[in-house]
Amino acid sequence: MADEFATMAENLRTKTGKTLDEWIAVARASGIGAHMALVNHLKAEHGLGHGYANMVVHAANASSSLSQDDNALVDAAFDGARAPWRPLYDRLVALVQRFGDDVELAPKKGYVSLRRKKQFALLMPSTKDRFDIGLALKGKEPTGRLELAGSWNAMVSHRVRIAADAEADEQVAGWLRAAYDRAG
């Protein structure tokens, strides 16, 4: 991930004539706090593409693995009342990593994105009482615990709400595998 970020930052400088640090200063000077509002501002007012604008905002806000240590982001996601969900997270990550050696973990503030060629799932300790699994299964009919994600997270199509570790069962493993396979 660090190499991809460095390449993207260099391409940003080549394309725009400004370094990432200069773009971070532009973003911060705008006074816009909301992530998507700032992304849209950089696109509309400065002509950045979505990927570059998103990278600049994440870097300016120190809100992704692009700008923070991955372990620190994961630890922060499981702080306080959400700490009991860490063993489930570790179990699910171990499961998914057995699908193939191309699984990439991309921690963000509050959740971890699971990627292959593209994001296929996310793991999120939402509250002390609920762990959410987001799945990229566009076109799959919702059934039982597999519900449409709706506005919960635009990066996935479905969500499974987990209230107890045992609910992350073989059915959930199957949905994770299906999402992984689709992302290939």
N, C-alpha and C. Protein backbone atom coordinates (compact mmCIF):
# COMPACT_ATOMS: atom_id res chain seq x y z
N MET A 1 0.82 -1.19 0.00
CA MET A 1 0.00 0.00 0.00
C MET A 1 0.87 1.26 0.00
N ALA A 2 1.97 1.24 0.75
CA ALA A 2 2.84 2.40 0.82
C ALA A 2 3.42 2.72 -0.55
N ASP A 3 3.83 1.68 -1.31
CA ASP A 3 4.38 1.90 -2.64
C ASP A 3 3.33 2.49 -3.58
N GLU A 4 2.10 1.98 -3.51
CA GLU A 4 1.02 2.50 -4.36
C GLU A 4 0.74 3.96 -4.03
N PHE A 5 0.77 4.29 -2.73
CA PHE A 5 0.53 5.66 -2.30
C PHE A 5 1.63 6.58 -2.83
N ALA A 6 2.88 6.15 -2.71
CA ALA A 6 4.00 6.96 -3.19
C ALA A 6 3.90 7.19 -4.69
N THR A 7 3.53 6.16 -5.43
CA THR A 7 3.37 6.29 -6.88
C THR A 7 2.24 7.26 -7.20
N MET A 8 1.13 7.14 -6.50
CA MET A 8 0.00 8.03 -6.75
C MET A 8 0.36 9.47 -6.40
N ALA A 9 1.09 9.67 -5.30
CA ALA A 9 1.50 11.02 -4.91
C ALA A 9 2.42 11.63 -5.96
N GLU A 10 3.34 10.82 -6.50
CA GLU A 10 4.24 11.31 -7.55
C GLU A 10 3.46 11.63 -8.82
N ASN A 11 2.50 10.80 -9.17
CA ASN A 11 1.67 11.08 -10.34
C ASN A 11 0.85 12.35 -10.15
N LEU A 12 0.39 12.59 -8.92
CA LEU A 12 -0.34 13.82 -8.62
C LEU A 12 0.54 15.04 -8.89
N ARG A 13 1.81 14.98 -8.43
CA ARG A 13 2.74 16.09 -8.65
C ARG A 13 2.99 16.28 -10.14
N THR A 14 3.20 15.19 -10.85
CA THR A 14 3.46 15.28 -12.29
C THR A 14 2.27 15.87 -13.03
N LYS A 15 1.08 15.44 -12.66
CA LYS A 15 -0.14 15.88 -13.36
C LYS A 15 -0.51 17.33 -13.04
N THR A 16 -0.32 17.73 -11.76
CA THR A 16 -0.83 19.05 -11.34
C THR A 16 0.26 20.09 -11.08
N GLY A 17 1.50 19.63 -10.94
CA GLY A 17 2.58 20.57 -10.62
C GLY A 17 2.68 20.89 -9.14
N LYS A 18 1.81 20.29 -8.32
CA LYS A 18 1.85 20.50 -6.87
C LYS A 18 2.12 19.17 -6.18
N THR A 19 2.88 19.25 -5.11
CA THR A 19 3.15 18.06 -4.32
C THR A 19 1.93 17.73 -3.46
N LEU A 20 1.94 16.53 -2.90
CA LEU A 20 0.86 16.15 -2.00
C LEU A 20 0.79 17.11 -0.82
N ASP A 21 1.93 17.48 -0.26
CA ASP A 21 1.92 18.42 0.86
C ASP A 21 1.29 19.76 0.47
N GLU A 22 1.53 20.21 -0.74
CA GLU A 22 0.91 21.46 -1.20
C GLU A 22 -0.61 21.28 -1.33
N TRP A 23 -1.05 20.12 -1.83
CA TRP A 23 -2.49 19.86 -1.94
C TRP A 23 -3.13 19.73 -0.56
N ILE A 24 -2.41 19.15 0.38
CA ILE A 24 -2.92 19.06 1.75
C ILE A 24 -3.15 20.46 2.31
N ALA A 25 -2.22 21.36 2.05
CA ALA A 25 -2.37 22.76 2.51
C ALA A 25 -3.59 23.41 1.86
N VAL A 26 -3.80 23.15 0.57
CA VAL A 26 -4.98 23.69 -0.12
C VAL A 26 -6.25 23.15 0.52
N ALA A 27 -6.27 21.86 0.79
CA ALA A 27 -7.46 21.24 1.39
C ALA A 27 -7.75 21.82 2.76
N ARG A 28 -6.73 21.92 3.58
CA ARG A 28 -6.92 22.46 4.93
C ARG A 28 -7.32 23.93 4.92
N ALA A 29 -6.77 24.68 3.97
CA ALA A 29 -7.10 26.11 3.88
C ALA A 29 -8.54 26.36 3.46
N SER A 30 -9.17 25.36 2.85
CA SER A 30 -10.55 25.53 2.39
C SER A 30 -11.51 25.71 3.55
N GLY A 31 -11.16 25.17 4.71
CA GLY A 31 -12.05 25.24 5.87
C GLY A 31 -13.20 24.25 5.83
N ILE A 32 -13.23 23.39 4.83
CA ILE A 32 -14.29 22.41 4.69
C ILE A 32 -13.92 21.17 5.50
N GLY A 33 -14.81 20.75 6.40
CA GLY A 33 -14.50 19.64 7.28
C GLY A 33 -15.01 18.29 6.82
N ALA A 34 -16.16 18.25 6.18
CA ALA A 34 -16.77 16.98 5.79
C ALA A 34 -15.99 16.36 4.63
N HIS A 35 -15.73 15.08 4.74
CA HIS A 35 -14.90 14.38 3.76
C HIS A 35 -15.38 14.58 2.33
N MET A 36 -16.63 14.18 2.03
CA MET A 36 -17.11 14.25 0.64
C MET A 36 -17.27 15.69 0.16
N ALA A 37 -17.62 16.59 1.07
CA ALA A 37 -17.72 17.99 0.67
C ALA A 37 -16.35 18.51 0.22
N LEU A 38 -15.31 18.12 0.93
CA LEU A 38 -13.97 18.55 0.55
C LEU A 38 -13.51 17.86 -0.73
N VAL A 39 -13.81 16.58 -0.89
CA VAL A 39 -13.49 15.88 -2.15
C VAL A 39 -14.17 16.61 -3.31
N ASN A 40 -15.45 16.90 -3.17
CA ASN A 40 -16.19 17.58 -4.24
C ASN A 40 -15.63 18.97 -4.52
N HIS A 41 -15.21 19.67 -3.48
CA HIS A 41 -14.60 20.99 -3.64
C HIS A 41 -13.30 20.89 -4.46
N LEU A 42 -12.45 19.95 -4.11
CA LEU A 42 -11.19 19.79 -4.84
C LEU A 42 -11.43 19.41 -6.30
N LYS A 43 -12.46 18.63 -6.55
CA LYS A 43 -12.80 18.26 -7.91
C LYS A 43 -13.34 19.46 -8.69
N ALA A 44 -14.30 20.17 -8.09
CA ALA A 44 -14.96 21.27 -8.79
C ALA A 44 -14.08 22.52 -8.93
N GLU A 45 -13.39 22.87 -7.87
CA GLU A 45 -12.64 24.12 -7.86
C GLU A 45 -11.20 23.99 -8.33
N HIS A 46 -10.66 22.78 -8.27
CA HIS A 46 -9.25 22.60 -8.61
C HIS A 46 -9.02 21.56 -9.70
N GLY A 47 -10.09 20.94 -10.20
CA GLY A 47 -9.98 20.03 -11.32
C GLY A 47 -9.35 18.68 -11.03
N LEU A 48 -9.28 18.31 -9.77
CA LEU A 48 -8.72 16.99 -9.45
C LEU A 48 -9.73 15.90 -9.79
N GLY A 49 -9.22 14.74 -10.20
CA GLY A 49 -10.07 13.58 -10.37
C GLY A 49 -10.47 13.05 -9.00
N HIS A 50 -11.47 12.18 -8.98
CA HIS A 50 -11.98 11.68 -7.70
C HIS A 50 -10.90 10.97 -6.88
N GLY A 51 -10.12 10.11 -7.51
CA GLY A 51 -9.09 9.36 -6.79
C GLY A 51 -8.06 10.27 -6.13
N TYR A 52 -7.59 11.25 -6.87
CA TYR A 52 -6.61 12.19 -6.29
C TYR A 52 -7.24 13.03 -5.19
N ALA A 53 -8.45 13.53 -5.42
CA ALA A 53 -9.11 14.35 -4.40
C ALA A 53 -9.33 13.54 -3.13
N ASN A 54 -9.75 12.31 -3.27
CA ASN A 54 -9.98 11.45 -2.12
C ASN A 54 -8.68 11.19 -1.37
N MET A 55 -7.60 10.94 -2.11
CA MET A 55 -6.29 10.72 -1.48
C MET A 55 -5.85 11.96 -0.70
N VAL A 56 -6.01 13.14 -1.28
CA VAL A 56 -5.61 14.38 -0.62
C VAL A 56 -6.41 14.57 0.67
N VAL A 57 -7.72 14.34 0.62
CA VAL A 57 -8.56 14.53 1.80
C VAL A 57 -8.17 13.53 2.89
N HIS A 58 -7.96 12.28 2.53
CA HIS A 58 -7.53 11.29 3.53
C HIS A 58 -6.20 11.71 4.15
N ALA A 59 -5.27 12.15 3.33
CA ALA A 59 -3.97 12.57 3.85
C ALA A 59 -4.11 13.81 4.73
N ALA A 60 -4.94 14.76 4.32
CA ALA A 60 -5.14 15.99 5.10
C ALA A 60 -5.79 15.70 6.45
N ASN A 61 -6.68 14.73 6.46
CA ASN A 61 -7.42 14.42 7.69
C ASN A 61 -6.82 13.26 8.48
N ALA A 62 -5.71 12.71 7.98
CA ALA A 62 -5.08 11.54 8.62
C ALA A 62 -6.13 10.47 8.90
N SER A 63 -6.93 10.15 7.88
CA SER A 63 -8.09 9.27 8.09
C SER A 63 -8.00 7.93 7.40
N SER A 64 -6.85 7.52 6.95
CA SER A 64 -6.75 6.20 6.33
C SER A 64 -5.36 5.64 6.50
N SER A 65 -5.18 4.45 6.00
CA SER A 65 -3.87 3.83 6.08
C SER A 65 -2.85 4.56 5.21
N LEU A 66 -3.31 5.48 4.36
CA LEU A 66 -2.38 6.29 3.58
C LEU A 66 -1.61 7.24 4.48
N SER A 67 -2.18 7.60 5.59
CA SER A 67 -1.57 8.62 6.42
C SER A 67 -1.33 8.18 7.86
N GLN A 68 -1.73 6.99 8.22
CA GLN A 68 -1.52 6.51 9.57
C GLN A 68 -0.99 5.09 9.54
N ASP A 69 -0.40 4.70 10.61
CA ASP A 69 0.07 3.33 10.77
C ASP A 69 -1.13 2.39 10.80
N ASP A 70 -1.07 1.32 10.00
CA ASP A 70 -2.18 0.37 9.92
C ASP A 70 -2.55 -0.20 11.28
N ASN A 71 -1.56 -0.60 12.06
CA ASN A 71 -1.84 -1.19 13.37
C ASN A 71 -2.54 -0.20 14.29
N ALA A 72 -2.14 1.07 14.23
CA ALA A 72 -2.77 2.09 15.07
C ALA A 72 -4.23 2.28 14.67
N LEU A 73 -4.52 2.23 13.37
CA LEU A 73 -5.91 2.36 12.92
C LEU A 73 -6.76 1.20 13.40
N VAL A 74 -6.23 -0.03 13.29
CA VAL A 74 -6.98 -1.21 13.75
C VAL A 74 -7.18 -1.13 15.26
N ASP A 75 -6.11 -0.81 15.99
CA ASP A 75 -6.24 -0.70 17.45
C ASP A 75 -7.29 0.34 17.84
N ALA A 76 -7.31 1.47 17.13
CA ALA A 76 -8.29 2.52 17.44
C ALA A 76 -9.72 2.05 17.17
N ALA A 77 -9.90 1.22 16.14
CA ALA A 77 -11.24 0.72 15.82
C ALA A 77 -11.78 -0.17 16.94
N PHE A 78 -10.88 -0.79 17.69
CA PHE A 78 -11.28 -1.72 18.74
C PHE A 78 -10.97 -1.19 20.14
N ASP A 79 -11.03 0.12 20.29
CA ASP A 79 -10.77 0.69 21.61
C ASP A 79 -12.04 0.69 22.46
N GLY A 80 -11.87 0.84 23.74
CA GLY A 80 -12.99 0.99 24.65
C GLY A 80 -14.01 -0.11 24.58
N ALA A 81 -15.27 0.28 24.44
CA ALA A 81 -16.39 -0.66 24.49
C ALA A 81 -16.39 -1.65 23.33
N ARG A 82 -15.69 -1.33 22.24
CA ARG A 82 -15.67 -2.22 21.08
C ARG A 82 -14.56 -3.28 21.16
N ALA A 83 -13.75 -3.23 22.20
CA ALA A 83 -12.63 -4.17 22.36
C ALA A 83 -13.05 -5.64 22.33
N PRO A 84 -14.20 -6.02 22.88
CA PRO A 84 -14.58 -7.44 22.84
C PRO A 84 -14.76 -8.00 21.42
N TRP A 85 -14.89 -7.15 20.42
CA TRP A 85 -15.04 -7.62 19.04
C TRP A 85 -13.71 -7.98 18.38
N ARG A 86 -12.59 -7.66 18.99
CA ARG A 86 -11.28 -7.90 18.36
C ARG A 86 -11.05 -9.38 18.04
N PRO A 87 -11.37 -10.33 18.92
CA PRO A 87 -11.17 -11.74 18.56
C PRO A 87 -11.98 -12.16 17.32
N LEU A 88 -13.19 -11.66 17.18
CA LEU A 88 -13.99 -11.97 15.98
C LEU A 88 -13.31 -11.40 14.75
N TYR A 89 -12.86 -10.16 14.84
CA TYR A 89 -12.15 -9.54 13.72
C TYR A 89 -10.94 -10.40 13.33
N ASP A 90 -10.13 -10.78 14.32
CA ASP A 90 -8.93 -11.58 14.04
C ASP A 90 -9.30 -12.91 13.37
N ARG A 91 -10.37 -13.53 13.83
CA ARG A 91 -10.83 -14.80 13.25
C ARG A 91 -11.28 -14.61 11.80
N LEU A 92 -12.03 -13.54 11.53
CA LEU A 92 -12.50 -13.29 10.17
C LEU A 92 -11.35 -12.95 9.23
N VAL A 93 -10.38 -12.18 9.71
CA VAL A 93 -9.22 -11.86 8.87
C VAL A 93 -8.45 -13.14 8.54
N ALA A 94 -8.24 -14.01 9.53
CA ALA A 94 -7.54 -15.27 9.28
C ALA A 94 -8.30 -16.11 8.25
N LEU A 95 -9.61 -16.15 8.35
CA LEU A 95 -10.44 -16.88 7.40
C LEU A 95 -10.24 -16.34 5.99
N VAL A 96 -10.39 -15.05 5.83
CA VAL A 96 -10.31 -14.43 4.51
C VAL A 96 -8.91 -14.58 3.92
N GLN A 97 -7.89 -14.51 4.73
CA GLN A 97 -6.53 -14.65 4.21
C GLN A 97 -6.27 -16.06 3.67
N ARG A 98 -7.05 -17.03 4.10
CA ARG A 98 -6.92 -18.38 3.56
C ARG A 98 -7.54 -18.50 2.16
N PHE A 99 -8.34 -17.52 1.74
CA PHE A 99 -8.93 -17.55 0.41
C PHE A 99 -7.87 -17.40 -0.68
N GLY A 100 -6.81 -16.65 -0.40
CA GLY A 100 -5.76 -16.42 -1.38
C GLY A 100 -4.73 -15.46 -0.84
N ASP A 101 -3.57 -15.44 -1.47
CA ASP A 101 -2.49 -14.57 -0.99
C ASP A 101 -2.61 -13.14 -1.51
N ASP A 102 -3.70 -12.84 -2.18
CA ASP A 102 -3.90 -11.50 -2.73
C ASP A 102 -4.83 -10.64 -1.89
N VAL A 103 -5.18 -11.09 -0.69
CA VAL A 103 -6.05 -10.30 0.19
C VAL A 103 -5.24 -9.17 0.82
N GLU A 104 -5.75 -7.97 0.69
CA GLU A 104 -5.11 -6.79 1.26
C GLU A 104 -6.03 -6.21 2.33
N LEU A 105 -5.48 -5.90 3.48
CA LEU A 105 -6.22 -5.23 4.54
C LEU A 105 -5.93 -3.74 4.43
N ALA A 106 -6.97 -2.94 4.39
CA ALA A 106 -6.81 -1.49 4.28
C ALA A 106 -7.58 -0.83 5.43
N PRO A 107 -6.93 -0.69 6.59
CA PRO A 107 -7.61 -0.08 7.73
C PRO A 107 -7.97 1.38 7.48
N LYS A 108 -9.13 1.76 7.95
CA LYS A 108 -9.61 3.13 7.93
C LYS A 108 -10.00 3.48 9.36
N LYS A 109 -10.43 4.69 9.58
CA LYS A 109 -10.91 5.02 10.92
C LYS A 109 -12.23 4.30 11.15
N GLY A 110 -12.24 3.37 12.08
CA GLY A 110 -13.49 2.71 12.45
C GLY A 110 -13.78 1.38 11.78
N TYR A 111 -13.09 1.05 10.68
CA TYR A 111 -13.34 -0.23 10.03
C TYR A 111 -12.11 -0.64 9.22
N VAL A 112 -12.13 -1.86 8.75
CA VAL A 112 -11.05 -2.36 7.90
C VAL A 112 -11.65 -2.85 6.59
N SER A 113 -11.16 -2.30 5.51
CA SER A 113 -11.58 -2.69 4.17
C SER A 113 -10.77 -3.92 3.76
N LEU A 114 -11.45 -4.91 3.17
CA LEU A 114 -10.80 -6.09 2.64
C LEU A 114 -10.80 -5.97 1.12
N ARG A 115 -9.62 -6.02 0.53
CA ARG A 115 -9.48 -5.80 -0.90
C ARG A 115 -8.80 -6.98 -1.58
N ARG A 116 -9.11 -7.10 -2.82
CA ARG A 116 -8.41 -8.00 -3.73
C ARG A 116 -7.98 -7.09 -4.87
N LYS A 117 -8.55 -7.21 -6.05
CA LYS A 117 -8.32 -6.19 -7.07
C LYS A 117 -9.16 -4.97 -6.75
N LYS A 118 -10.24 -5.18 -6.01
CA LYS A 118 -11.10 -4.11 -5.53
C LYS A 118 -11.66 -4.54 -4.18
N GLN A 119 -12.28 -3.60 -3.49
CA GLN A 119 -12.84 -3.93 -2.18
C GLN A 119 -13.94 -4.97 -2.34
N PHE A 120 -13.89 -6.00 -1.49
CA PHE A 120 -14.95 -7.01 -1.52
C PHE A 120 -15.70 -7.11 -0.21
N ALA A 121 -15.14 -6.55 0.85
CA ALA A 121 -15.82 -6.62 2.15
C ALA A 121 -15.23 -5.58 3.08
N LEU A 122 -15.93 -5.35 4.18
CA LEU A 122 -15.37 -4.53 5.24
C LEU A 122 -15.83 -5.10 6.57
N LEU A 123 -14.99 -4.93 7.57
CA LEU A 123 -15.25 -5.43 8.92
C LEU A 123 -15.28 -4.23 9.86
N MET A 124 -16.38 -4.10 10.60
CA MET A 124 -16.58 -2.90 11.40
C MET A 124 -17.19 -3.20 12.76
N PRO A 125 -16.44 -2.92 13.83
CA PRO A 125 -17.03 -3.01 15.16
C PRO A 125 -17.87 -1.76 15.39
N SER A 126 -19.13 -1.81 15.08
CA SER A 126 -19.98 -0.61 15.07
C SER A 126 -20.28 -0.07 16.46
N THR A 127 -20.65 -0.96 17.36
CA THR A 127 -20.98 -0.55 18.73
C THR A 127 -20.50 -1.67 19.66
N LYS A 128 -20.71 -1.48 20.94
CA LYS A 128 -20.34 -2.54 21.88
C LYS A 128 -21.23 -3.77 21.69
N ASP A 129 -22.40 -3.58 21.07
CA ASP A 129 -23.36 -4.67 20.90
C ASP A 129 -23.48 -5.19 19.48
N ARG A 130 -22.75 -4.59 18.52
CA ARG A 130 -22.92 -5.02 17.13
C ARG A 130 -21.63 -4.88 16.33
N PHE A 131 -21.36 -5.92 15.55
CA PHE A 131 -20.24 -5.95 14.60
C PHE A 131 -20.88 -6.07 13.22
N ASP A 132 -20.50 -5.21 12.30
CA ASP A 132 -21.07 -5.25 10.96
C ASP A 132 -20.06 -5.78 9.96
N ILE A 133 -20.55 -6.58 9.04
CA ILE A 133 -19.75 -7.07 7.92
C ILE A 133 -20.41 -6.55 6.65
N GLY A 134 -19.68 -5.76 5.89
CA GLY A 134 -20.16 -5.28 4.61
C GLY A 134 -19.63 -6.16 3.50
N LEU A 135 -20.45 -6.43 2.51
CA LEU A 135 -20.08 -7.35 1.42
C LEU A 135 -20.42 -6.74 0.06
N ALA A 136 -19.52 -6.87 -0.88
CA ALA A 136 -19.76 -6.43 -2.25
C ALA A 136 -20.36 -7.61 -3.02
N LEU A 137 -21.67 -7.70 -2.99
CA LEU A 137 -22.39 -8.79 -3.65
C LEU A 137 -23.52 -8.21 -4.52
N LYS A 138 -23.19 -7.17 -5.26
CA LYS A 138 -24.19 -6.49 -6.08
C LYS A 138 -24.98 -7.48 -6.92
N GLY A 139 -26.30 -7.33 -6.89
CA GLY A 139 -27.18 -8.18 -7.66
C GLY A 139 -27.71 -9.38 -6.89
N LYS A 140 -27.11 -9.70 -5.76
CA LYS A 140 -27.58 -10.83 -4.96
C LYS A 140 -28.80 -10.39 -4.16
N GLU A 141 -29.82 -11.21 -4.21
CA GLU A 141 -31.04 -10.91 -3.45
C GLU A 141 -30.76 -11.02 -1.95
N PRO A 142 -31.24 -10.07 -1.17
CA PRO A 142 -31.08 -10.18 0.28
C PRO A 142 -31.92 -11.33 0.81
N THR A 143 -31.37 -12.05 1.77
CA THR A 143 -32.09 -13.16 2.38
C THR A 143 -31.71 -13.24 3.85
N GLY A 144 -32.69 -13.34 4.71
CA GLY A 144 -32.43 -13.50 6.15
C GLY A 144 -31.49 -12.45 6.69
N ARG A 145 -30.35 -12.89 7.18
CA ARG A 145 -29.39 -11.96 7.79
C ARG A 145 -28.63 -11.14 6.76
N LEU A 146 -28.61 -11.55 5.51
CA LEU A 146 -27.93 -10.81 4.45
C LEU A 146 -28.89 -9.74 3.93
N GLU A 147 -28.67 -8.52 4.37
CA GLU A 147 -29.57 -7.41 3.99
C GLU A 147 -28.85 -6.45 3.07
N LEU A 148 -29.62 -5.65 2.34
CA LEU A 148 -29.03 -4.62 1.51
C LEU A 148 -28.39 -3.57 2.41
N ALA A 149 -27.24 -3.07 2.01
CA ALA A 149 -26.52 -2.10 2.83
C ALA A 149 -27.22 -0.74 2.84
N GLY A 150 -27.93 -0.42 1.78
CA GLY A 150 -28.60 0.88 1.72
C GLY A 150 -27.59 2.01 1.86
N SER A 151 -27.88 2.98 2.70
CA SER A 151 -26.99 4.11 2.88
C SER A 151 -25.92 3.87 3.95
N TRP A 152 -25.87 2.67 4.51
CA TRP A 152 -24.91 2.37 5.57
C TRP A 152 -23.47 2.59 5.10
N ASN A 153 -23.11 2.07 3.93
CA ASN A 153 -21.77 2.27 3.39
C ASN A 153 -21.87 2.07 1.88
N ALA A 154 -21.51 3.09 1.14
CA ALA A 154 -21.65 3.05 -0.32
C ALA A 154 -20.65 2.13 -1.00
N MET A 155 -19.65 1.65 -0.28
CA MET A 155 -18.62 0.80 -0.88
C MET A 155 -19.02 -0.67 -0.92
N VAL A 156 -20.13 -1.02 -0.30
CA VAL A 156 -20.61 -2.40 -0.30
C VAL A 156 -22.09 -2.41 -0.62
N SER A 157 -22.58 -3.54 -1.08
CA SER A 157 -23.99 -3.65 -1.44
C SER A 157 -24.83 -4.29 -0.35
N HIS A 158 -24.22 -5.10 0.50
CA HIS A 158 -24.94 -5.86 1.52
C HIS A 158 -24.27 -5.72 2.89
N ARG A 159 -25.04 -6.01 3.92
CA ARG A 159 -24.53 -5.97 5.28
C ARG A 159 -25.10 -7.13 6.07
N VAL A 160 -24.26 -7.65 6.97
CA VAL A 160 -24.68 -8.65 7.94
C VAL A 160 -24.40 -8.06 9.31
N ARG A 161 -25.42 -8.01 10.14
CA ARG A 161 -25.26 -7.49 11.51
C ARG A 161 -25.01 -8.68 12.44
N ILE A 162 -23.94 -8.57 13.21
CA ILE A 162 -23.55 -9.64 14.13
C ILE A 162 -23.70 -9.13 15.56
N ALA A 163 -24.46 -9.85 16.37
CA ALA A 163 -24.65 -9.46 17.77
C ALA A 163 -23.89 -10.36 18.74
N ALA A 164 -23.41 -11.50 18.24
CA ALA A 164 -22.64 -12.43 19.05
C ALA A 164 -21.65 -13.15 18.15
N ASP A 165 -20.49 -13.46 18.66
CA ASP A 165 -19.43 -14.09 17.89
C ASP A 165 -19.93 -15.30 17.10
N ALA A 166 -20.76 -16.12 17.70
CA ALA A 166 -21.24 -17.34 17.06
C ALA A 166 -22.06 -17.07 15.80
N GLU A 167 -22.59 -15.87 15.65
CA GLU A 167 -23.37 -15.53 14.46
C GLU A 167 -22.50 -15.40 13.21
N ALA A 168 -21.19 -15.26 13.39
CA ALA A 168 -20.28 -15.23 12.25
C ALA A 168 -19.93 -16.68 11.91
N ASP A 169 -20.90 -17.36 11.31
CA ASP A 169 -20.85 -18.80 11.11
C ASP A 169 -20.45 -19.15 9.67
N GLU A 170 -20.70 -20.40 9.29
CA GLU A 170 -20.36 -20.88 7.96
C GLU A 170 -21.10 -20.11 6.86
N GLN A 171 -22.32 -19.70 7.15
CA GLN A 171 -23.07 -18.92 6.16
C GLN A 171 -22.35 -17.59 5.89
N VAL A 172 -21.90 -16.94 6.93
CA VAL A 172 -21.15 -15.68 6.78
C VAL A 172 -19.85 -15.95 6.03
N ALA A 173 -19.17 -17.05 6.37
CA ALA A 173 -17.94 -17.42 5.66
C ALA A 173 -18.22 -17.61 4.17
N GLY A 174 -19.35 -18.20 3.84
CA GLY A 174 -19.72 -18.39 2.44
C GLY A 174 -19.95 -17.07 1.72
N TRP A 175 -20.59 -16.13 2.40
CA TRP A 175 -20.81 -14.81 1.78
C TRP A 175 -19.49 -14.08 1.58
N LEU A 176 -18.60 -14.18 2.56
CA LEU A 176 -17.28 -13.57 2.41
C LEU A 176 -16.54 -14.19 1.22
N ARG A 177 -16.60 -15.50 1.09
CA ARG A 177 -15.93 -16.19 -0.01
C ARG A 177 -16.53 -15.76 -1.35
N ALA A 178 -17.85 -15.65 -1.41
CA ALA A 178 -18.51 -15.24 -2.66
C ALA A 178 -18.07 -13.82 -3.06
N ALA A 179 -17.99 -12.93 -2.08
CA ALA A 179 -17.56 -11.56 -2.35
C ALA A 179 -16.11 -11.53 -2.82
N TYR A 180 -15.25 -12.33 -2.16
CA TYR A 180 -13.85 -12.44 -2.57
C TYR A 180 -13.77 -12.94 -4.01
N ASP A 181 -14.50 -13.98 -4.35
CA ASP A 181 -14.45 -14.55 -5.69
C ASP A 181 -14.89 -13.54 -6.74
N ARG A 182 -15.90 -12.74 -6.43
CA ARG A 182 -16.39 -11.74 -7.39
C ARG A 182 -15.36 -10.62 -7.63
N ALA A 183 -14.50 -10.38 -6.64
CA ALA A 183 -13.54 -9.28 -6.75
C ALA A 183 -12.29 -9.66 -7.55
N GLY A 184 -12.24 -10.89 -8.02
CA GLY A 184 -11.06 -11.39 -8.73
C GLY A 184 -11.06 -10.94 -10.13
